[in-house]
Structure formats: structure tokens, C-alpha cells
């Protein structure tokens, strides 16, 4: 089973998306067409309390409005950091039966050395027979 995990980005005070969040949403739409995942975990909590909704809630609404089926979308509403994205999303993906995970984020996120999302996800997959991929923008 292929499960995608989309990493959120802090919303603006009025609940609107940042440019980076919109970039990740476009990337998610491209990933969906290219890989057709069984499930998509939308990972992001309430990083900005003024926004009034979690990053995952925003992503869910946005992607539904763009035509993605709601039964594919699963919210992870607790993470506030990239490390927590991995900590909370990996167990969800494993519980769903994932044998492949695609992490969707932006290129600048992937280029970080210490907090690289792929490294953080690998840490939580230790010992599991799961193939991990990164899918990011140019």
C-alpha cells in the first residue's frame, strides 16, 4: 500500500495559506496524479492559533475543493515540527499497512541537513520493511 504524507506549513493569522503552503498543495496534486496513493496523510497541527484551524484541516479542505476524494485524505492534526510530522505520521501510515511512503514537501525543506524530513522519517521507520521516497518541488 502506498501512503503519501504531506508536510504542512504555518498558516497566516487569518487562516489563509502561505506561498509555501500553496506550493506544497500544488505539489500534492501533482503527486496524486503521478503516484495515485491509497491514502494521503495531511500532517500539520495548530502552529498558528490565530489562524483558527490546523494545517491538516486547511489542506484537507483545499485538496477536496481541488477534486481529491475525501476517503483518501487523512488528517494528522498534532504535529508542530518536522520531527513531529514523522513521529505522528509514520505510525499512522504503518497502521494503514503502508509498504511505501512518499513524503511531500518543498525542496528547501529537503535540503536541510539535520532536520531533513527523509532522515526523520527513516528514524521512525527503523527496522520496518517500508520503502521511503521524497517528492518535492524544484
C-alpha atoms as a PDB file:
ATOM      1  CA  UNK A   1       0.000   0.000   0.000  1.00  0.00           C
ATOM      2  CA  UNK A   2       1.297   3.420  -0.969  1.00  0.00           C
ATOM      3  CA  UNK A   3       0.736   6.185   1.579  1.00  0.00           C
ATOM      4  CA  UNK A   4       1.742   9.791   0.965  1.00  0.00           C
ATOM      5  CA  UNK A   5       2.499  12.174   3.822  1.00  0.00           C
ATOM      6  CA  UNK A   6       2.142  15.869   3.043  1.00  0.00           C
ATOM      7  CA  UNK A   7       4.025  18.201   5.358  1.00  0.00           C
ATOM      8  CA  UNK A   8       2.135  21.373   6.188  1.00  0.00           C
ATOM      9  CA  UNK A   9       3.328  24.931   6.640  1.00  0.00           C
ATOM     10  CA  UNK A  10       2.248  27.521   9.175  1.00  0.00           C
ATOM     11  CA  UNK A  11      -0.888  29.386   8.093  1.00  0.00           C
ATOM     12  CA  UNK A  12      -1.259  33.164   8.132  1.00  0.00           C
ATOM     13  CA  UNK A  13      -3.117  34.793  11.055  1.00  0.00           C
ATOM     14  CA  UNK A  14      -6.336  34.976   9.009  1.00  0.00           C
ATOM     15  CA  UNK A  15      -6.202  31.253   8.130  1.00  0.00           C
ATOM     16  CA  UNK A  16      -5.005  31.791   4.570  1.00  0.00           C
ATOM     17  CA  UNK A  17      -2.105  29.755   3.218  1.00  0.00           C
ATOM     18  CA  UNK A  18       1.433  30.998   2.801  1.00  0.00           C
ATOM     19  CA  UNK A  19       3.081  30.833  -0.626  1.00  0.00           C
ATOM     20  CA  UNK A  20       4.974  27.782   0.605  1.00  0.00           C
ATOM     21  CA  UNK A  21       1.763  26.025   1.670  1.00  0.00           C
ATOM     22  CA  UNK A  22       0.225  26.709  -1.751  1.00  0.00           C
ATOM     23  CA  UNK A  23       3.364  25.340  -3.377  1.00  0.00           C
ATOM     24  CA  UNK A  24       3.037  22.147  -1.323  1.00  0.00           C
ATOM     25  CA  UNK A  25      -0.657  21.848  -2.217  1.00  0.00           C
ATOM     26  CA  UNK A  26       0.155  22.088  -5.936  1.00  0.00           C
ATOM     27  CA  UNK A  27       2.872  19.511  -5.448  1.00  0.00           C
ATOM     28  CA  UNK A  28       0.373  17.232  -3.685  1.00  0.00           C
ATOM     29  CA  UNK A  29      -1.993  17.452  -6.653  1.00  0.00           C
ATOM     30  CA  UNK A  30       0.877  16.529  -8.997  1.00  0.00           C
ATOM     31  CA  UNK A  31       1.935  13.668  -6.727  1.00  0.00           C
ATOM     32  CA  UNK A  32      -1.630  12.335  -6.633  1.00  0.00           C
ATOM     33  CA  UNK A  33      -1.792  12.159 -10.433  1.00  0.00           C
ATOM     34  CA  UNK A  34       1.664  10.640 -10.728  1.00  0.00           C
ATOM     35  CA  UNK A  35       1.532   8.042  -7.913  1.00  0.00           C
ATOM     36  CA  UNK A  36      -2.184   7.558  -7.122  1.00  0.00           C
ATOM     37  CA  UNK A  37      -1.598   6.800  -3.422  1.00  0.00           C
ATOM     38  CA  UNK A  38      -4.070   4.704  -1.470  1.00  0.00           C
ATOM     39  CA  UNK A  39      -4.079   7.260   1.363  1.00  0.00           C
ATOM     40  CA  UNK A  40      -2.695  10.751   1.908  1.00  0.00           C
ATOM     41  CA  UNK A  41      -1.834  11.800   5.457  1.00  0.00           C
ATOM     42  CA  UNK A  42      -2.038  15.574   5.821  1.00  0.00           C
ATOM     43  CA  UNK A  43       0.407  16.371   8.599  1.00  0.00           C
ATOM     44  CA  UNK A  44       0.250  19.644  10.496  1.00  0.00           C
ATOM     45  CA  UNK A  45      -1.205  20.919  13.723  1.00  0.00           C
ATOM     46  CA  UNK A  46      -2.251  24.297  15.061  1.00  0.00           C
ATOM     47  CA  UNK A  47       1.069  26.111  14.597  1.00  0.00           C
ATOM     48  CA  UNK A  48      -0.683  29.490  14.462  1.00  0.00           C
ATOM     49  CA  UNK A  49      -3.537  29.722  16.972  1.00  0.00           C
ATOM     50  CA  UNK A  50      -4.763  32.960  15.363  1.00  0.00           C
ATOM     51  CA  UNK A  51      -5.488  31.033  12.148  1.00  0.00           C
ATOM     52  CA  UNK A  52      -8.219  29.071  13.931  1.00  0.00           C
ATOM     53  CA  UNK A  53      -7.574  25.775  12.135  1.00  0.00           C
ATOM     54  CA  UNK A  54      -4.815  23.227  11.844  1.00  0.00           C
ATOM     55  CA  UNK A  55      -2.603  22.950   8.811  1.00  0.00           C
ATOM     56  CA  UNK A  56      -4.097  19.484   8.180  1.00  0.00           C
ATOM     57  CA  UNK A  57      -7.643  20.883   8.267  1.00  0.00           C
ATOM     58  CA  UNK A  58      -6.694  23.583   5.766  1.00  0.00           C
ATOM     59  CA  UNK A  59      -5.000  21.053   3.464  1.00  0.00           C
ATOM     60  CA  UNK A  60      -7.996  18.702   3.641  1.00  0.00           C
ATOM     61  CA  UNK A  61     -10.438  21.430   2.633  1.00  0.00           C
ATOM     62  CA  UNK A  62      -8.148  22.756  -0.096  1.00  0.00           C
ATOM     63  CA  UNK A  63      -7.495  19.345  -1.662  1.00  0.00           C
ATOM     64  CA  UNK A  64     -11.184  18.361  -1.524  1.00  0.00           C
ATOM     65  CA  UNK A  65     -12.059  21.590  -3.346  1.00  0.00           C
ATOM     66  CA  UNK A  66      -9.474  20.628  -5.993  1.00  0.00           C
ATOM     67  CA  UNK A  67     -11.199  17.280  -6.529  1.00  0.00           C
ATOM     68  CA  UNK A  68      -9.266  14.780  -4.431  1.00  0.00           C
ATOM     69  CA  UNK A  69     -11.575  12.150  -2.924  1.00  0.00           C
ATOM     70  CA  UNK A  70     -12.225  12.684   0.759  1.00  0.00           C
ATOM     71  CA  UNK A  71     -11.827   8.975   1.575  1.00  0.00           C
ATOM     72  CA  UNK A  72      -8.159   9.182   0.542  1.00  0.00           C
ATOM     73  CA  UNK A  73      -7.395  12.143   2.836  1.00  0.00           C
ATOM     74  CA  UNK A  74      -6.490  11.560   6.491  1.00  0.00           C
ATOM     75  CA  UNK A  75      -5.675  14.368   8.928  1.00  0.00           C
ATOM     76  CA  UNK A  76      -2.807  14.306  11.417  1.00  0.00           C
ATOM     77  CA  UNK A  77      -3.589  17.415  13.480  1.00  0.00           C
ATOM     78  CA  UNK A  78      -0.977  17.325  16.260  1.00  0.00           C
ATOM     79  CA  UNK A  79       2.455  17.951  14.757  1.00  0.00           C
ATOM     80  CA  UNK A  80       4.088  21.353  15.125  1.00  0.00           C
ATOM     81  CA  UNK A  81       7.548  20.484  13.779  1.00  0.00           C
ATOM     82  CA  UNK A  82       9.073  18.340  11.045  1.00  0.00           C
ATOM     83  CA  UNK A  83      10.235  15.876  13.690  1.00  0.00           C
ATOM     84  CA  UNK A  84       6.670  15.585  14.943  1.00  0.00           C
ATOM     85  CA  UNK A  85       5.390  15.164  11.365  1.00  0.00           C
ATOM     86  CA  UNK A  86       7.496  11.998  11.232  1.00  0.00           C
ATOM     87  CA  UNK A  87       6.753  10.940  14.821  1.00  0.00           C
ATOM     88  CA  UNK A  88       2.974  11.091  14.362  1.00  0.00           C
ATOM     89  CA  UNK A  89       2.602  10.214  10.669  1.00  0.00           C
ATOM     90  CA  UNK A  90       4.793   7.117  10.470  1.00  0.00           C
ATOM     91  CA  UNK A  91       2.703   5.104  12.972  1.00  0.00           C
ATOM     92  CA  UNK A  92      -0.469   6.154  11.137  1.00  0.00           C
ATOM     93  CA  UNK A  93       0.980   5.013   7.808  1.00  0.00           C
ATOM     94  CA  UNK A  94       2.138   1.705   9.284  1.00  0.00           C
ATOM     95  CA  UNK A  95      -1.268   1.117  10.849  1.00  0.00           C
ATOM     96  CA  UNK A  96      -2.798   1.618   7.392  1.00  0.00           C
ATOM     97  CA  UNK A  97      -0.493  -1.102   6.044  1.00  0.00           C
ATOM     98  CA  UNK A  98       1.966   1.091   4.157  1.00  0.00           C
ATOM     99  CA  UNK A  99       4.846  -0.655   2.457  1.00  0.00           C
ATOM    100  CA  UNK A 100       5.753   2.539   0.585  1.00  0.00           C
ATOM    101  CA  UNK A 101       5.664   6.109   1.889  1.00  0.00           C
ATOM    102  CA  UNK A 102       6.065   9.243  -0.214  1.00  0.00           C
ATOM    103  CA  UNK A 103       6.930  12.380   1.766  1.00  0.00           C
ATOM    104  CA  UNK A 104       5.670  15.505   0.000  1.00  0.00           C
ATOM    105  CA  UNK A 105       7.386  18.786   0.847  1.00  0.00           C
ATOM    106  CA  UNK A 106       9.306  21.657  -0.720  1.00  0.00           C
ATOM    107  CA  UNK A 107      12.891  21.477  -1.967  1.00  0.00           C
ATOM    108  CA  UNK A 108      14.198  23.911   0.648  1.00  0.00           C
ATOM    109  CA  UNK A 109      12.756  21.649   3.330  1.00  0.00           C
ATOM    110  CA  UNK A 110      14.540  18.603   1.905  1.00  0.00           C
ATOM    111  CA  UNK A 111      17.873  20.412   1.698  1.00  0.00           C
ATOM    112  CA  UNK A 112      18.190  20.864   5.475  1.00  0.00           C
ATOM    113  CA  UNK A 113      20.912  18.670   6.888  1.00  0.00           C
ATOM    114  CA  UNK A 114      19.848  17.942  10.470  1.00  0.00           C
ATOM    115  CA  UNK A 115      16.080  18.275  10.146  1.00  0.00           C
ATOM    116  CA  UNK A 116      15.772  16.683   6.724  1.00  0.00           C
ATOM    117  CA  UNK A 117      12.299  15.107   6.539  1.00  0.00           C
ATOM    118  CA  UNK A 118      13.553  11.896   4.912  1.00  0.00           C
ATOM    119  CA  UNK A 119      16.112  11.332   7.684  1.00  0.00           C
ATOM    120  CA  UNK A 120      13.465  11.980  10.333  1.00  0.00           C
ATOM    121  CA  UNK A 121      11.010   9.565   8.688  1.00  0.00           C
ATOM    122  CA  UNK A 122      13.751   6.922   8.331  1.00  0.00           C
ATOM    123  CA  UNK A 123      14.437   7.213  12.061  1.00  0.00           C
ATOM    124  CA  UNK A 124      10.825   6.296  12.837  1.00  0.00           C
ATOM    125  CA  UNK A 125      10.793   3.506  10.237  1.00  0.00           C
ATOM    126  CA  UNK A 126      13.864   1.821  11.691  1.00  0.00           C
ATOM    127  CA  UNK A 127      13.556  -1.924  11.286  1.00  0.00           C
ATOM    128  CA  UNK A 128      10.385  -1.726   9.179  1.00  0.00           C
ATOM    129  CA  UNK A 129      10.248  -3.059   5.629  1.00  0.00           C
ATOM    130  CA  UNK A 130       8.954   0.168   4.082  1.00  0.00           C
ATOM    131  CA  UNK A 131      10.332   1.981   1.052  1.00  0.00           C
ATOM    132  CA  UNK A 132      10.576   5.727   1.589  1.00  0.00           C
ATOM    133  CA  UNK A 133      10.565   8.348  -1.170  1.00  0.00           C
ATOM    134  CA  UNK A 134      10.756  12.103  -1.196  1.00  0.00           C
ATOM    135  CA  UNK A 135       8.657  14.167  -3.619  1.00  0.00           C
ATOM    136  CA  UNK A 136       9.494  17.841  -3.703  1.00  0.00           C
ATOM    137  CA  UNK A 137       9.471  20.913  -5.909  1.00  0.00           C
ATOM    138  CA  UNK A 138      12.441  22.143  -7.890  1.00  0.00           C
END
